[in-house]
Structures are given as C-alpha cells and as structure tokens.
C-alpha cells in the first residue's frame, strides 16, 4: 500500500503580493503537479495496460485545474459568484485527479490499493518503481493543495462579505449624494430659465425704446 503520510511542507516564507493568478500558490502547485503528470507518469503508461480513456481523463483533469484557478482569479473582479464557483470546482477536481492517479498506478502495477492492515510479519518491501513513487508524491501534493484552495476560497468569501457590508454602509450616503446632485441640477435649470426670461424682457425693452425714438 502507498504511504501518503509525512508530507513535507515548505517552511515559513513571506508571501508576495498577489498581482496576477501566477502569484497564487495554488496555481503554481497545480501547474507543477500537471507538469509532473506529463513528465513522470504518462511515459510509463505506454505499455497498453492502462485504458486510453483513463489516461485521457487523468491528463485532462490535471491540466484543467490550474486553468480553472487562473480563470477564477480573472472572473473575481467581474463576476464574483462565477469566480467562487470555478475555484470550488478546482478544489473538487483535486480529489478527482487523485482518484485517476491511484487508478493508473494500480492498473499499471497490476495491484489494488489495500486498507492499512499489514500482517504481523510483513515480507521485505520490494523496490518501488519510479512511476509509483511519482504518483504517490503527486497525490500528496494534490491533497495538500486542495486544503490550500479551500483556504483561498474562504478568504475570497470573507472579502466578498466585507465588500457587501461596505456597499450597504455607503448606500445611504450615495442616495443622499444623488439627491443633492438632482436638487442642484434643478436649481441650475431654474436659474437658466430665469436668465432666459430676463434676456427676453431686455430685448422687449430695447425694441420698445427704438420704436419710441
């Protein structure tokens, strides 16, 4: 059985400002994981043991996750609901790609993942093929990144709630400002009408003066 424990996390580091989707840690991790699928897993699936459909599903899902993260970051400023939905789909896709990785690994090796119930005297462990090691490492990466995506999703939801509260707090001020603008526009219009009337009266006086002369 594969050992998914003891995943080594990176040490603490100061996060840089998020200026684009490429600055998101979850994008970087899933993009690198998809590259590893192409370089370290797919070449070992050419022996015909693994169904083509399963290989296509693995590759498609792995490539799609960083794309969804990038699109969700772009949509966040235009359609927040759609952005949150896409990020949530990326989170679920991490689980899906883990399933595909376990399937291609076990099909290629001719084994089935077993529950953690080792015998009392386990035989010496055979050497682990590089593809199996790669699959297990990528699976751990997706499991860890899924939690990161969940945290990012919560952060975006918190920002959305904050923006909504700010918008609601500013709504009365905005309404008052708009009413003031409308009143000022009405006053200007009235003043323009009065000026036009005075000009008309002045022209009439000029005409009357010329006739009197």
C-alpha atoms as a PDB file:
ATOM      1  CA  UNK A   1       0.000   0.000   0.000  1.00  0.00           C
ATOM      2  CA  UNK A   2       1.174   3.509  -0.800  1.00  0.00           C
ATOM      3  CA  UNK A   3       2.281   5.685   2.073  1.00  0.00           C
ATOM      4  CA  UNK A   4       0.698   9.139   1.840  1.00  0.00           C
ATOM      5  CA  UNK A   5       1.804  10.314   5.264  1.00  0.00           C
ATOM      6  CA  UNK A   6       4.634  12.527   6.384  1.00  0.00           C
ATOM      7  CA  UNK A   7       4.219  15.004   3.566  1.00  0.00           C
ATOM      8  CA  UNK A   8       6.962  17.554   3.924  1.00  0.00           C
ATOM      9  CA  UNK A   9       5.586  21.071   3.950  1.00  0.00           C
ATOM     10  CA  UNK A  10       7.627  24.067   2.990  1.00  0.00           C
ATOM     11  CA  UNK A  11       8.989  26.281   5.721  1.00  0.00           C
ATOM     12  CA  UNK A  12       7.529  29.658   6.571  1.00  0.00           C
ATOM     13  CA  UNK A  13       8.087  32.327   3.980  1.00  0.00           C
ATOM     14  CA  UNK A  14       6.809  35.851   3.454  1.00  0.00           C
ATOM     15  CA  UNK A  15       4.105  35.835   0.802  1.00  0.00           C
ATOM     16  CA  UNK A  16       4.483  38.257  -2.076  1.00  0.00           C
ATOM     17  CA  UNK A  17       1.593  40.486  -3.182  1.00  0.00           C
ATOM     18  CA  UNK A  18      -0.973  38.881  -5.488  1.00  0.00           C
ATOM     19  CA  UNK A  19      -0.777  40.856  -8.724  1.00  0.00           C
ATOM     20  CA  UNK A  20      -1.939  38.100 -11.071  1.00  0.00           C
ATOM     21  CA  UNK A  21      -3.064  34.482 -10.963  1.00  0.00           C
ATOM     22  CA  UNK A  22       0.573  33.419 -11.372  1.00  0.00           C
ATOM     23  CA  UNK A  23       1.261  34.774  -7.871  1.00  0.00           C
ATOM     24  CA  UNK A  24      -1.262  32.349  -6.338  1.00  0.00           C
ATOM     25  CA  UNK A  25       0.454  29.455  -4.574  1.00  0.00           C
ATOM     26  CA  UNK A  26      -2.353  27.074  -5.548  1.00  0.00           C
ATOM     27  CA  UNK A  27      -1.861  27.924  -9.211  1.00  0.00           C
ATOM     28  CA  UNK A  28       1.875  27.273  -9.012  1.00  0.00           C
ATOM     29  CA  UNK A  29       1.426  23.980  -7.171  1.00  0.00           C
ATOM     30  CA  UNK A  30      -1.237  22.597  -9.514  1.00  0.00           C
ATOM     31  CA  UNK A  31       0.648  23.761 -12.594  1.00  0.00           C
ATOM     32  CA  UNK A  32       3.794  21.983 -11.402  1.00  0.00           C
ATOM     33  CA  UNK A  33       1.776  18.884 -10.497  1.00  0.00           C
ATOM     34  CA  UNK A  34       0.311  18.760 -14.020  1.00  0.00           C
ATOM     35  CA  UNK A  35       3.816  19.007 -15.476  1.00  0.00           C
ATOM     36  CA  UNK A  36       4.901  16.068 -13.314  1.00  0.00           C
ATOM     37  CA  UNK A  37       1.953  14.027 -14.582  1.00  0.00           C
ATOM     38  CA  UNK A  38       3.136  14.637 -18.153  1.00  0.00           C
ATOM     39  CA  UNK A  39       6.842  14.016 -17.463  1.00  0.00           C
ATOM     40  CA  UNK A  40       6.869  11.376 -14.711  1.00  0.00           C
ATOM     41  CA  UNK A  41       3.623   9.424 -15.161  1.00  0.00           C
ATOM     42  CA  UNK A  42       2.359   9.454 -18.746  1.00  0.00           C
ATOM     43  CA  UNK A  43       5.541   7.997 -20.334  1.00  0.00           C
ATOM     44  CA  UNK A  44       5.135   4.883 -18.128  1.00  0.00           C
ATOM     45  CA  UNK A  45       1.581   4.264 -19.341  1.00  0.00           C
ATOM     46  CA  UNK A  46       2.530   3.327 -22.902  1.00  0.00           C
ATOM     47  CA  UNK A  47       2.628  -0.435 -22.250  1.00  0.00           C
ATOM     48  CA  UNK A  48      -1.060  -0.887 -23.020  1.00  0.00           C
ATOM     49  CA  UNK A  49      -2.103  -1.933 -19.504  1.00  0.00           C
ATOM     50  CA  UNK A  50      -3.869   1.322 -18.746  1.00  0.00           C
ATOM     51  CA  UNK A  51      -7.025   2.161 -20.776  1.00  0.00           C
ATOM     52  CA  UNK A  52      -6.677   5.150 -23.085  1.00  0.00           C
ATOM     53  CA  UNK A  53      -9.821   6.720 -21.660  1.00  0.00           C
ATOM     54  CA  UNK A  54      -8.364   6.665 -18.147  1.00  0.00           C
ATOM     55  CA  UNK A  55      -5.123   8.238 -19.348  1.00  0.00           C
ATOM     56  CA  UNK A  56      -7.051  10.971 -21.169  1.00  0.00           C
ATOM     57  CA  UNK A  57      -9.164  11.675 -18.077  1.00  0.00           C
ATOM     58  CA  UNK A  58      -6.064  11.956 -15.899  1.00  0.00           C
ATOM     59  CA  UNK A  59      -4.290  14.304 -18.287  1.00  0.00           C
ATOM     60  CA  UNK A  60      -7.372  16.441 -18.965  1.00  0.00           C
ATOM     61  CA  UNK A  61      -8.201  16.829 -15.278  1.00  0.00           C
ATOM     62  CA  UNK A  62      -4.606  17.618 -14.307  1.00  0.00           C
ATOM     63  CA  UNK A  63      -4.299  20.315 -16.983  1.00  0.00           C
ATOM     64  CA  UNK A  64      -7.721  21.762 -16.227  1.00  0.00           C
ATOM     65  CA  UNK A  65      -7.134  22.548 -12.536  1.00  0.00           C
ATOM     66  CA  UNK A  66      -4.561  25.375 -12.921  1.00  0.00           C
ATOM     67  CA  UNK A  67      -6.626  26.724 -15.804  1.00  0.00           C
ATOM     68  CA  UNK A  68      -9.730  26.936 -13.593  1.00  0.00           C
ATOM     69  CA  UNK A  69      -7.720  28.711 -10.888  1.00  0.00           C
ATOM     70  CA  UNK A  70      -6.414  31.261 -13.392  1.00  0.00           C
ATOM     71  CA  UNK A  71      -9.899  31.871 -14.817  1.00  0.00           C
ATOM     72  CA  UNK A  72     -11.456  32.186 -11.373  1.00  0.00           C
ATOM     73  CA  UNK A  73      -8.923  34.856 -10.408  1.00  0.00           C
ATOM     74  CA  UNK A  74      -9.769  36.820 -13.565  1.00  0.00           C
ATOM     75  CA  UNK A  75     -13.510  36.472 -13.052  1.00  0.00           C
ATOM     76  CA  UNK A  76     -13.225  37.570  -9.427  1.00  0.00           C
ATOM     77  CA  UNK A  77     -13.271  41.218 -10.489  1.00  0.00           C
ATOM     78  CA  UNK A  78     -16.176  40.829 -12.947  1.00  0.00           C
ATOM     79  CA  UNK A  79     -18.412  38.040 -11.666  1.00  0.00           C
ATOM     80  CA  UNK A  80     -17.651  37.093  -8.063  1.00  0.00           C
ATOM     81  CA  UNK A  81     -20.257  34.324  -7.972  1.00  0.00           C
ATOM     82  CA  UNK A  82     -18.780  32.623 -11.033  1.00  0.00           C
ATOM     83  CA  UNK A  83     -15.245  33.065  -9.675  1.00  0.00           C
ATOM     84  CA  UNK A  84     -16.146  31.330  -6.406  1.00  0.00           C
ATOM     85  CA  UNK A  85     -17.908  28.540  -8.313  1.00  0.00           C
ATOM     86  CA  UNK A  86     -14.863  27.915 -10.526  1.00  0.00           C
ATOM     87  CA  UNK A  87     -12.493  27.895  -7.563  1.00  0.00           C
ATOM     88  CA  UNK A  88     -14.756  25.418  -5.777  1.00  0.00           C
ATOM     89  CA  UNK A  89     -14.734  23.203  -8.884  1.00  0.00           C
ATOM     90  CA  UNK A  90     -10.927  23.329  -8.911  1.00  0.00           C
ATOM     91  CA  UNK A  91     -10.961  22.156  -5.289  1.00  0.00           C
ATOM     92  CA  UNK A  92     -13.171  19.176  -6.148  1.00  0.00           C
ATOM     93  CA  UNK A  93     -11.054  18.404  -9.225  1.00  0.00           C
ATOM     94  CA  UNK A  94      -8.063  17.843  -6.923  1.00  0.00           C
ATOM     95  CA  UNK A  95      -9.916  14.855  -5.473  1.00  0.00           C
ATOM     96  CA  UNK A  96     -10.817  13.636  -8.948  1.00  0.00           C
ATOM     97  CA  UNK A  97      -7.240  13.712 -10.195  1.00  0.00           C
ATOM     98  CA  UNK A  98      -6.141  11.800  -7.066  1.00  0.00           C
ATOM     99  CA  UNK A  99      -8.614   9.053  -7.994  1.00  0.00           C
ATOM    100  CA  UNK A 100      -7.232   8.902 -11.540  1.00  0.00           C
ATOM    101  CA  UNK A 101      -3.640   8.778 -10.266  1.00  0.00           C
ATOM    102  CA  UNK A 102      -4.407   5.892  -7.947  1.00  0.00           C
ATOM    103  CA  UNK A 103      -6.194   4.041 -10.742  1.00  0.00           C
ATOM    104  CA  UNK A 104      -3.423   4.387 -13.333  1.00  0.00           C
ATOM    105  CA  UNK A 105      -0.833   3.494 -10.714  1.00  0.00           C
ATOM    106  CA  UNK A 106      -2.634   0.342  -9.594  1.00  0.00           C
ATOM    107  CA  UNK A 107      -3.664  -0.739 -13.110  1.00  0.00           C
ATOM    108  CA  UNK A 108      -0.133  -0.331 -14.413  1.00  0.00           C
ATOM    109  CA  UNK A 109       1.333  -2.254 -11.477  1.00  0.00           C
ATOM    110  CA  UNK A 110      -1.396  -4.902 -11.505  1.00  0.00           C
ATOM    111  CA  UNK A 111      -2.220  -4.200  -7.846  1.00  0.00           C
ATOM    112  CA  UNK A 112      -5.157  -2.909  -5.848  1.00  0.00           C
ATOM    113  CA  UNK A 113      -4.866  -0.397  -3.017  1.00  0.00           C
ATOM    114  CA  UNK A 114      -5.491  -2.149   0.294  1.00  0.00           C
ATOM    115  CA  UNK A 115      -6.601  -0.980   3.680  1.00  0.00           C
ATOM    116  CA  UNK A 116      -3.801  -0.288   6.183  1.00  0.00           C
ATOM    117  CA  UNK A 117      -3.876  -3.753   7.832  1.00  0.00           C
ATOM    118  CA  UNK A 118      -0.341  -5.137   7.440  1.00  0.00           C
ATOM    119  CA  UNK A 119       0.358  -8.743   8.504  1.00  0.00           C
ATOM    120  CA  UNK A 120       2.154  -9.449  11.754  1.00  0.00           C
ATOM    121  CA  UNK A 121       5.336 -10.329   9.877  1.00  0.00           C
ATOM    122  CA  UNK A 122       5.375  -8.269   6.719  1.00  0.00           C
ATOM    123  CA  UNK A 123       7.689  -9.504   3.956  1.00  0.00           C
ATOM    124  CA  UNK A 124      10.551  -7.353   2.814  1.00  0.00           C
ATOM    125  CA  UNK A 125       9.262  -4.492   0.712  1.00  0.00           C
ATOM    126  CA  UNK A 126      10.177  -4.784  -2.969  1.00  0.00           C
ATOM    127  CA  UNK A 127      11.805  -1.893  -4.793  1.00  0.00           C
ATOM    128  CA  UNK A 128       9.261   0.766  -5.733  1.00  0.00           C
ATOM    129  CA  UNK A 129       9.121   1.690  -9.446  1.00  0.00           C
ATOM    130  CA  UNK A 130       9.746   5.379 -10.229  1.00  0.00           C
ATOM    131  CA  UNK A 131       6.228   5.794 -11.645  1.00  0.00           C
ATOM    132  CA  UNK A 132       4.663   4.591  -8.402  1.00  0.00           C
ATOM    133  CA  UNK A 133       6.847   6.944  -6.395  1.00  0.00           C
ATOM    134  CA  UNK A 134       5.896   9.822  -8.702  1.00  0.00           C
ATOM    135  CA  UNK A 135       2.174   9.025  -8.422  1.00  0.00           C
ATOM    136  CA  UNK A 136       2.342   8.901  -4.633  1.00  0.00           C
ATOM    137  CA  UNK A 137       4.209  12.209  -4.442  1.00  0.00           C
ATOM    138  CA  UNK A 138       1.783  13.918  -6.824  1.00  0.00           C
ATOM    139  CA  UNK A 139      -1.180  12.532  -4.869  1.00  0.00           C
ATOM    140  CA  UNK A 140       0.206  14.033  -1.656  1.00  0.00           C
ATOM    141  CA  UNK A 141       0.726  17.337  -3.473  1.00  0.00           C
ATOM    142  CA  UNK A 142      -2.881  17.466  -4.657  1.00  0.00           C
ATOM    143  CA  UNK A 143      -4.190  16.515  -1.208  1.00  0.00           C
ATOM    144  CA  UNK A 144      -2.197  19.341   0.357  1.00  0.00           C
ATOM    145  CA  UNK A 145      -3.105  21.842  -2.376  1.00  0.00           C
ATOM    146  CA  UNK A 146      -6.806  21.042  -2.001  1.00  0.00           C
ATOM    147  CA  UNK A 147      -6.628  22.394   1.566  1.00  0.00           C
ATOM    148  CA  UNK A 148      -4.850  25.490   0.251  1.00  0.00           C
ATOM    149  CA  UNK A 149      -7.608  26.053  -2.308  1.00  0.00           C
ATOM    150  CA  UNK A 150     -10.215  25.676   0.438  1.00  0.00           C
ATOM    151  CA  UNK A 151      -8.433  28.345   2.496  1.00  0.00           C
ATOM    152  CA  UNK A 152      -8.279  30.635  -0.549  1.00  0.00           C
ATOM    153  CA  UNK A 153     -11.982  30.090  -1.153  1.00  0.00           C
ATOM    154  CA  UNK A 154     -12.751  31.084   2.440  1.00  0.00           C
ATOM    155  CA  UNK A 155     -10.595  34.200   2.066  1.00  0.00           C
ATOM    156  CA  UNK A 156     -12.425  35.239  -1.097  1.00  0.00           C
ATOM    157  CA  UNK A 157     -15.781  34.692   0.605  1.00  0.00           C
ATOM    158  CA  UNK A 158     -14.612  36.865   3.507  1.00  0.00           C
ATOM    159  CA  UNK A 159     -13.588  39.639   1.100  1.00  0.00           C
ATOM    160  CA  UNK A 160     -16.941  39.389  -0.679  1.00  0.00           C
ATOM    161  CA  UNK A 161     -18.807  39.739   2.631  1.00  0.00           C
ATOM    162  CA  UNK A 162     -16.650  42.737   3.547  1.00  0.00           C
ATOM    163  CA  UNK A 163     -17.288  44.427   0.194  1.00  0.00           C
ATOM    164  CA  UNK A 164     -21.013  43.838   0.578  1.00  0.00           C
ATOM    165  CA  UNK A 165     -21.034  45.368   4.071  1.00  0.00           C
ATOM    166  CA  UNK A 166     -19.109  48.393   2.808  1.00  0.00           C
ATOM    167  CA  UNK A 167     -21.517  48.769  -0.098  1.00  0.00           C
ATOM    168  CA  UNK A 168     -24.521  48.567   2.223  1.00  0.00           C
ATOM    169  CA  UNK A 169     -22.954  51.101   4.602  1.00  0.00           C
ATOM    170  CA  UNK A 170     -22.291  53.528   1.758  1.00  0.00           C
ATOM    171  CA  UNK A 171     -25.739  53.103   0.187  1.00  0.00           C
ATOM    172  CA  UNK A 172     -27.446  55.873   2.277  1.00  0.00           C
ATOM    173  CA  UNK A 173     -24.568  58.252   1.593  1.00  0.00           C
ATOM    174  CA  UNK A 174     -24.745  57.504  -2.115  1.00  0.00           C
ATOM    175  CA  UNK A 175     -28.509  58.088  -2.149  1.00  0.00           C
ATOM    176  CA  UNK A 176     -28.077  61.410  -0.301  1.00  0.00           C
ATOM    177  CA  UNK A 177     -25.339  62.475  -2.717  1.00  0.00           C
ATOM    178  CA  UNK A 178     -27.518  61.618  -5.730  1.00  0.00           C
ATOM    179  CA  UNK A 179     -30.433  63.602  -4.239  1.00  0.00           C
ATOM    180  CA  UNK A 180     -28.126  66.596  -3.736  1.00  0.00           C
ATOM    181  CA  UNK A 181     -26.973  66.396  -7.350  1.00  0.00           C
ATOM    182  CA  UNK A 182     -30.573  66.250  -8.575  1.00  0.00           C
ATOM    183  CA  UNK A 183     -31.511  69.310  -6.464  1.00  0.00           C
ATOM    184  CA  UNK A 184     -28.518  71.242  -7.758  1.00  0.00           C
ATOM    185  CA  UNK A 185     -29.417  70.317 -11.338  1.00  0.00           C
ATOM    186  CA  UNK A 186     -32.998  71.517 -10.764  1.00  0.00           C
ATOM    187  CA  UNK A 187     -31.754  74.814  -9.310  1.00  0.00           C
ATOM    188  CA  UNK A 188     -29.407  75.368 -12.263  1.00  0.00           C
ATOM    189  CA  UNK A 189     -32.245  74.660 -14.678  1.00  0.00           C
ATOM    190  CA  UNK A 190     -34.478  77.158 -12.863  1.00  0.00           C
ATOM    191  CA  UNK A 191     -31.748  79.797 -12.885  1.00  0.00           C
ATOM    192  CA  UNK A 192     -31.205  79.257 -16.620  1.00  0.00           C
ATOM    193  CA  UNK A 193     -34.963  79.737 -17.197  1.00  0.00           C
ATOM    194  CA  UNK A 194     -34.924  82.980 -15.169  1.00  0.00           C
ATOM    195  CA  UNK A 195     -31.906  84.278 -17.095  1.00  0.00           C
ATOM    196  CA  UNK A 196     -33.613  83.451 -20.380  1.00  0.00           C
ATOM    197  CA  UNK A 197     -36.730  85.350 -19.231  1.00  0.00           C
ATOM    198  CA  UNK A 198     -34.650  88.379 -18.217  1.00  0.00           C
ATOM    199  CA  UNK A 199     -32.950  88.387 -21.596  1.00  0.00           C
ATOM    200  CA  UNK A 200     -36.334  88.253 -23.291  1.00  0.00           C
ATOM    201  CA  UNK A 201     -37.619  91.162 -21.220  1.00  0.00           C
ATOM    202  CA  UNK A 202     -34.455  93.147 -22.008  1.00  0.00           C
ATOM    203  CA  UNK A 203     -34.909  92.587 -25.732  1.00  0.00           C
ATOM    204  CA  UNK A 204     -38.511  93.779 -25.476  1.00  0.00           C
ATOM    205  CA  UNK A 205     -37.384  96.967 -23.707  1.00  0.00           C
ATOM    206  CA  UNK A 206     -34.791  97.603 -26.408  1.00  0.00           C
ATOM    207  CA  UNK A 207     -37.386  97.178 -29.137  1.00  0.00           C
ATOM    208  CA  UNK A 208     -39.838  99.454 -27.323  1.00  0.00           C
ATOM    209  CA  UNK A 209     -37.121 102.082 -26.911  1.00  0.00           C
ATOM    210  CA  UNK A 210     -36.309 102.055 -30.595  1.00  0.00           C
ATOM    211  CA  UNK A 211     -39.979 102.479 -31.529  1.00  0.00           C
ATOM    212  CA  UNK A 212     -40.384 105.326 -29.022  1.00  0.00           C
ATOM    213  CA  UNK A 213     -37.381 107.093 -30.513  1.00  0.00           C
END
